C-alpha atoms as a PDB file:
ATOM      1  CA  SER A   1     -40.672  87.167  23.628  1.00  0.00           C
ATOM      2  CA  THR A   2     -42.709  90.327  23.371  1.00  0.00           C
ATOM      3  CA  THR A   3     -45.309  91.354  25.929  1.00  0.00           C
ATOM      4  CA  ALA A   4     -48.215  90.278  23.730  1.00  0.00           C
ATOM      5  CA  LEU A   5     -46.774  86.828  23.067  1.00  0.00           C
ATOM      6  CA  LEU A   6     -45.688  86.465  26.694  1.00  0.00           C
ATOM      7  CA  ASN A   7     -49.191  87.276  27.944  1.00  0.00           C
ATOM      8  CA  LEU A   8     -50.721  84.942  25.376  1.00  0.00           C
ATOM      9  CA  SER A   9     -48.623  82.023  26.568  1.00  0.00           C
ATOM     10  CA  LEU A  10     -49.474  82.728  30.214  1.00  0.00           C
ATOM     11  CA  SER A  11     -53.231  82.936  29.611  1.00  0.00           C
ATOM     12  CA  GLU A  12     -53.638  79.364  28.306  1.00  0.00           C
ATOM     13  CA  PRO A  13     -50.518  77.330  29.199  1.00  0.00           C
ATOM     14  CA  ASP A  14     -51.880  73.991  27.894  1.00  0.00           C
ATOM     15  CA  SER A  15     -53.243  75.327  24.607  1.00  0.00           C
ATOM     16  CA  PRO A  16     -51.381  74.897  21.306  1.00  0.00           C
ATOM     17  CA  PHE A  17     -52.619  78.330  20.184  1.00  0.00           C
ATOM     18  CA  PRO A  18     -49.724  80.332  21.717  1.00  0.00           C
ATOM     19  CA  VAL A  19     -47.181  78.121  19.957  1.00  0.00           C
ATOM     20  CA  LEU A  20     -49.002  78.509  16.634  1.00  0.00           C
ATOM     21  CA  VAL A  21     -49.104  82.302  17.043  1.00  0.00           C
ATOM     22  CA  GLN A  22     -45.379  82.384  17.831  1.00  0.00           C
ATOM     23  CA  LEU A  23     -44.582  80.196  14.819  1.00  0.00           C
ATOM     24  CA  ALA A  24     -46.712  82.397  12.553  1.00  0.00           C
ATOM     25  CA  TRP A  25     -44.993  85.497  13.919  1.00  0.00           C
ATOM     26  CA  CYS A  26     -41.535  84.002  13.258  1.00  0.00           C
ATOM     27  CA  ALA A  27     -42.578  82.941   9.759  1.00  0.00           C
ATOM     28  CA  SER A  28     -43.864  86.436   8.974  1.00  0.00           C
ATOM     29  CA  LEU A  29     -40.565  87.968  10.152  1.00  0.00           C
ATOM     30  CA  LEU A  30     -38.591  85.526   8.025  1.00  0.00           C
ATOM     31  CA  VAL A  31     -40.667  86.162   4.909  1.00  0.00           C
ATOM     32  CA  THR A  32     -40.834  89.969   5.199  1.00  0.00           C
ATOM     33  CA  PHE A  33     -37.151  90.523   6.016  1.00  0.00           C
ATOM     34  CA  PRO A  34     -36.014  90.690   2.360  1.00  0.00           C
ATOM     35  CA  ILE A  35     -38.808  93.165   1.622  1.00  0.00           C
ATOM     36  CA  GLN A  36     -37.762  95.363   4.552  1.00  0.00           C
ATOM     37  CA  LEU A  37     -34.114  95.192   3.517  1.00  0.00           C
ATOM     38  CA  ASN A  38     -34.734  95.932  -0.180  1.00  0.00           C
ATOM     39  CA  PRO A  39     -34.963  99.773  -0.051  1.00  0.00           C
ATOM     40  CA  ALA A  40     -31.685 100.067   1.848  1.00  0.00           C
ATOM     41  CA  THR A  41     -29.782  97.681  -0.397  1.00  0.00           C
ATOM     42  CA  THR A  42     -31.227  99.229  -3.560  1.00  0.00           C
ATOM     43  CA  SER A  43     -30.199 102.707  -2.400  1.00  0.00           C
ATOM     44  CA  PHE A  44     -26.733 101.417  -1.519  1.00  0.00           C
ATOM     45  CA  ASP A  45     -26.402  99.789  -4.951  1.00  0.00           C
ATOM     46  CA  ARG A  46     -27.401 103.006  -6.719  1.00  0.00           C
ATOM     47  CA  ALA A  47     -25.105 105.171  -4.604  1.00  0.00           C
ATOM     48  CA  PHE A  48     -22.014 103.034  -5.164  1.00  0.00           C
ATOM     49  CA  VAL A  49     -22.853 101.554  -8.613  1.00  0.00           C
ATOM     50  CA  LEU A  50     -21.996  98.008  -7.651  1.00  0.00           C
ATOM     51  CA  SER A  51     -21.814  95.026  -9.952  1.00  0.00           C
ATOM     52  CA  THR A  52     -24.279  92.186  -9.469  1.00  0.00           C
ATOM     53  CA  HIS A  53     -21.676  90.094  -7.661  1.00  0.00           C
ATOM     54  CA  ALA A  54     -20.627  92.941  -5.353  1.00  0.00           C
ATOM     55  CA  SER A  55     -24.263  93.808  -4.682  1.00  0.00           C
ATOM     56  CA  SER A  56     -24.978  90.220  -3.644  1.00  0.00           C
ATOM     57  CA  MET A  57     -21.950  90.215  -1.355  1.00  0.00           C
ATOM     58  CA  VAL A  58     -23.122  93.447   0.323  1.00  0.00           C
ATOM     59  CA  ARG A  59     -26.537  91.876   0.927  1.00  0.00           C
ATOM     60  CA  VAL A  60     -24.997  88.702   2.365  1.00  0.00           C
ATOM     61  CA  LEU A  61     -22.729  90.787   4.589  1.00  0.00           C
ATOM     62  CA  THR A  62     -25.689  92.899   5.756  1.00  0.00           C
ATOM     63  CA  VAL A  63     -27.699  89.820   6.699  1.00  0.00           C
ATOM     64  CA  ALA A  64     -24.671  88.295   8.450  1.00  0.00           C
ATOM     65  CA  VAL A  65     -24.043  91.461  10.481  1.00  0.00           C
ATOM     66  CA  LEU A  66     -27.705  91.755  11.434  1.00  0.00           C
ATOM     67  CA  GLY A  67     -27.796  88.062  12.358  1.00  0.00           C
ATOM     68  CA  ALA A  68     -24.699  88.471  14.542  1.00  0.00           C
ATOM     69  CA  LEU A  69     -26.261  91.520  16.184  1.00  0.00           C
ATOM     70  CA  SER A  70     -29.453  89.582  16.863  1.00  0.00           C
ATOM     71  CA  TYR A  71     -27.490  86.698  18.341  1.00  0.00           C
ATOM     72  CA  ALA A  72     -25.349  89.011  20.483  1.00  0.00           C
ATOM     73  CA  THR A  73     -28.402  90.754  21.949  1.00  0.00           C
ATOM     74  CA  ARG A  74     -30.627  87.682  22.264  1.00  0.00           C
ATOM     75  CA  ASN A  75     -30.893  87.980  26.057  1.00  0.00           C
ATOM     76  CA  SER A  76     -31.772  91.670  26.078  1.00  0.00           C
ATOM     77  CA  PHE A  77     -34.530  92.702  23.697  1.00  0.00           C
ATOM     78  CA  SER A  78     -34.412  96.301  24.935  1.00  0.00           C
ATOM     79  CA  THR A  79     -30.725  96.522  23.959  1.00  0.00           C
ATOM     80  CA  PHE A  80     -31.533  95.287  20.460  1.00  0.00           C
ATOM     81  CA  ILE A  81     -34.337  97.838  20.135  1.00  0.00           C
ATOM     82  CA  SER A  82     -32.018 100.598  21.369  1.00  0.00           C
ATOM     83  CA  ILE A  83     -29.337  99.672  18.833  1.00  0.00           C
ATOM     84  CA  SER A  84     -31.933  99.549  16.055  1.00  0.00           C
ATOM     85  CA  GLY A  85     -33.250 102.934  17.102  1.00  0.00           C
ATOM     86  CA  VAL A  86     -29.786 104.473  17.182  1.00  0.00           C
ATOM     87  CA  PHE A  87     -28.765 103.327  13.720  1.00  0.00           C
ATOM     88  CA  CYS A  88     -32.126 103.377  11.914  1.00  0.00           C
ATOM     89  CA  CYS A  89     -34.624 105.735  13.504  1.00  0.00           C
ATOM     90  CA  LEU A  90     -32.442 108.480  14.955  1.00  0.00           C
ATOM     91  CA  PRO A  91     -30.737 109.444  11.661  1.00  0.00           C
ATOM     92  CA  LEU A  92     -34.077 109.215   9.875  1.00  0.00           C
ATOM     93  CA  ALA A  93     -35.647 111.661  12.324  1.00  0.00           C
ATOM     94  CA  PHE A  94     -32.802 114.064  13.162  1.00  0.00           C
ATOM     95  CA  ILE A  95     -30.105 113.961  10.474  1.00  0.00           C
ATOM     96  CA  TYR A  96     -31.641 113.162   7.087  1.00  0.00           C
ATOM     97  CA  PRO A  97     -34.417 115.832   6.980  1.00  0.00           C
ATOM     98  CA  PRO A  98     -32.070 118.818   7.408  1.00  0.00           C
ATOM     99  CA  LEU A  99     -29.520 117.108   5.127  1.00  0.00           C
ATOM    100  CA  ILE A 100     -32.121 116.711   2.387  1.00  0.00           C
ATOM    101  CA  HIS A 101     -33.350 120.266   2.928  1.00  0.00           C
ATOM    102  CA  TYR A 102     -29.765 121.524   2.724  1.00  0.00           C
ATOM    103  CA  HIS A 103     -29.195 119.854  -0.649  1.00  0.00           C
ATOM    104  CA  THR A 104     -32.584 120.560  -2.208  1.00  0.00           C
ATOM    105  CA  ALA A 105     -34.285 123.635  -0.771  1.00  0.00           C
ATOM    106  CA  SER A 106     -31.770 125.875   1.035  1.00  0.00           C
ATOM    107  CA  ASP A 107     -31.764 129.190  -0.769  1.00  0.00           C
ATOM    108  CA  SER A 108     -30.100 131.557   1.664  1.00  0.00           C
ATOM    109  CA  ALA A 109     -26.965 131.418   3.775  1.00  0.00           C
ATOM    110  CA  LYS A 110     -29.169 131.581   6.881  1.00  0.00           C
ATOM    111  CA  GLU A 111     -31.115 128.453   5.859  1.00  0.00           C
ATOM    112  CA  ARG A 112     -27.893 126.586   5.099  1.00  0.00           C
ATOM    113  CA  MET A 113     -26.463 127.576   8.492  1.00  0.00           C
ATOM    114  CA  ILE A 114     -29.617 126.376  10.290  1.00  0.00           C
ATOM    115  CA  ASP A 115     -29.493 123.091   8.350  1.00  0.00           C
ATOM    116  CA  LYS A 116     -25.830 122.607   9.281  1.00  0.00           C
ATOM    117  CA  MET A 117     -26.611 123.291  12.958  1.00  0.00           C
ATOM    118  CA  LEU A 118     -29.492 120.798  12.921  1.00  0.00           C
ATOM    119  CA  ILE A 119     -27.283 118.173  11.246  1.00  0.00           C
ATOM    120  CA  ALA A 120     -24.563 118.774  13.857  1.00  0.00           C
ATOM    121  CA  LEU A 121     -27.128 118.494  16.659  1.00  0.00           C
ATOM    122  CA  GLY A 122     -28.395 115.239  15.142  1.00  0.00           C
ATOM    123  CA  VAL A 123     -24.860 113.838  14.960  1.00  0.00           C
ATOM    124  CA  VAL A 124     -24.199 114.820  18.602  1.00  0.00           C
ATOM    125  CA  VAL A 125     -27.440 113.166  19.717  1.00  0.00           C
ATOM    126  CA  PHE A 126     -26.563 110.105  17.604  1.00  0.00           C
ATOM    127  CA  ILE A 127     -23.130 109.778  19.240  1.00  0.00           C
ATOM    128  CA  TYR A 128     -24.523 110.329  22.751  1.00  0.00           C
ATOM    129  CA  VAL A 129     -27.298 107.760  22.356  1.00  0.00           C
ATOM    130  CA  ALA A 130     -24.962 105.233  20.684  1.00  0.00           C
ATOM    131  CA  VAL A 131     -22.388 105.518  23.472  1.00  0.00           C
ATOM    132  CA  THR A 132     -25.108 105.333  26.129  1.00  0.00           C
ATOM    133  CA  THR A 133     -26.597 102.243  24.485  1.00  0.00           C
ATOM    134  CA  PHE A 134     -23.303 100.386  24.211  1.00  0.00           C
ATOM    135  CA  VAL A 135     -22.080 101.361  27.687  1.00  0.00           C
ATOM    136  CA  ALA A 136     -25.331 100.470  29.489  1.00  0.00           C
ATOM    137  CA  SER A 137     -25.341  96.958  30.850  1.00  0.00           C
ATOM    138  CA  PRO A 138     -28.236  94.593  30.099  1.00  0.00           C
ATOM    139  CA  SER A 139     -29.028  94.418  33.829  1.00  0.00           C
ATOM    140  CA  GLU A 140     -30.054  98.094  33.697  1.00  0.00           C
ATOM    141  CA  SER A 141     -32.730  97.444  31.081  1.00  0.00           C
ATOM    142  CA  PRO A 142     -36.279  97.257  32.428  1.00  0.00           C
ATOM    143  CA  PRO A 143     -37.943  93.846  32.530  1.00  0.00           C
ATOM    144  CA  ILE A 144     -40.726  92.983  30.114  1.00  0.00           C
ATOM    145  CA  PRO A 145     -44.008  93.697  31.912  1.00  0.00           C
ATOM    146  CA  CYS A 146     -46.499  90.892  32.102  1.00  0.00           C
ATOM    147  CA  ASN A 147     -49.695  90.289  33.978  1.00  0.00           C
ATOM    148  CA  ARG A 148     -49.365  87.128  36.015  1.00  0.00           C
ATOM    149  CA  GLY A 149     -52.593  87.628  37.940  1.00  0.00           C
END
């Protein structure tokens, strides 16, 4: 559980409130997951012009892969966050902006060269962080801090 939910359950151990908050949190994750997944699947559908059946299969496969990833990292939340950061946040911050600039706004050879260098740097950082994440053992991840006093 997260730090907030962990602290909540430690503050009032006999109260039903922590359980209700955890159930509400799980329900909100379950309900908002399709909304969070929609932009990615819509973009994928447009990029590859998939039929309705193929599009549904891609969505089922995506959910299955993400479910397997969640199950595989269930004992190490920090590992799951690291993997999510590597594949979602890092490209969004370091690879896509220069890639978009390269295709839409690069006018000179100098700008295109800078964009290519930034994309290459982003790919190198992506590979380094991905390898570091997968090589690091769960025992090296820091424990979740909680106030037990």
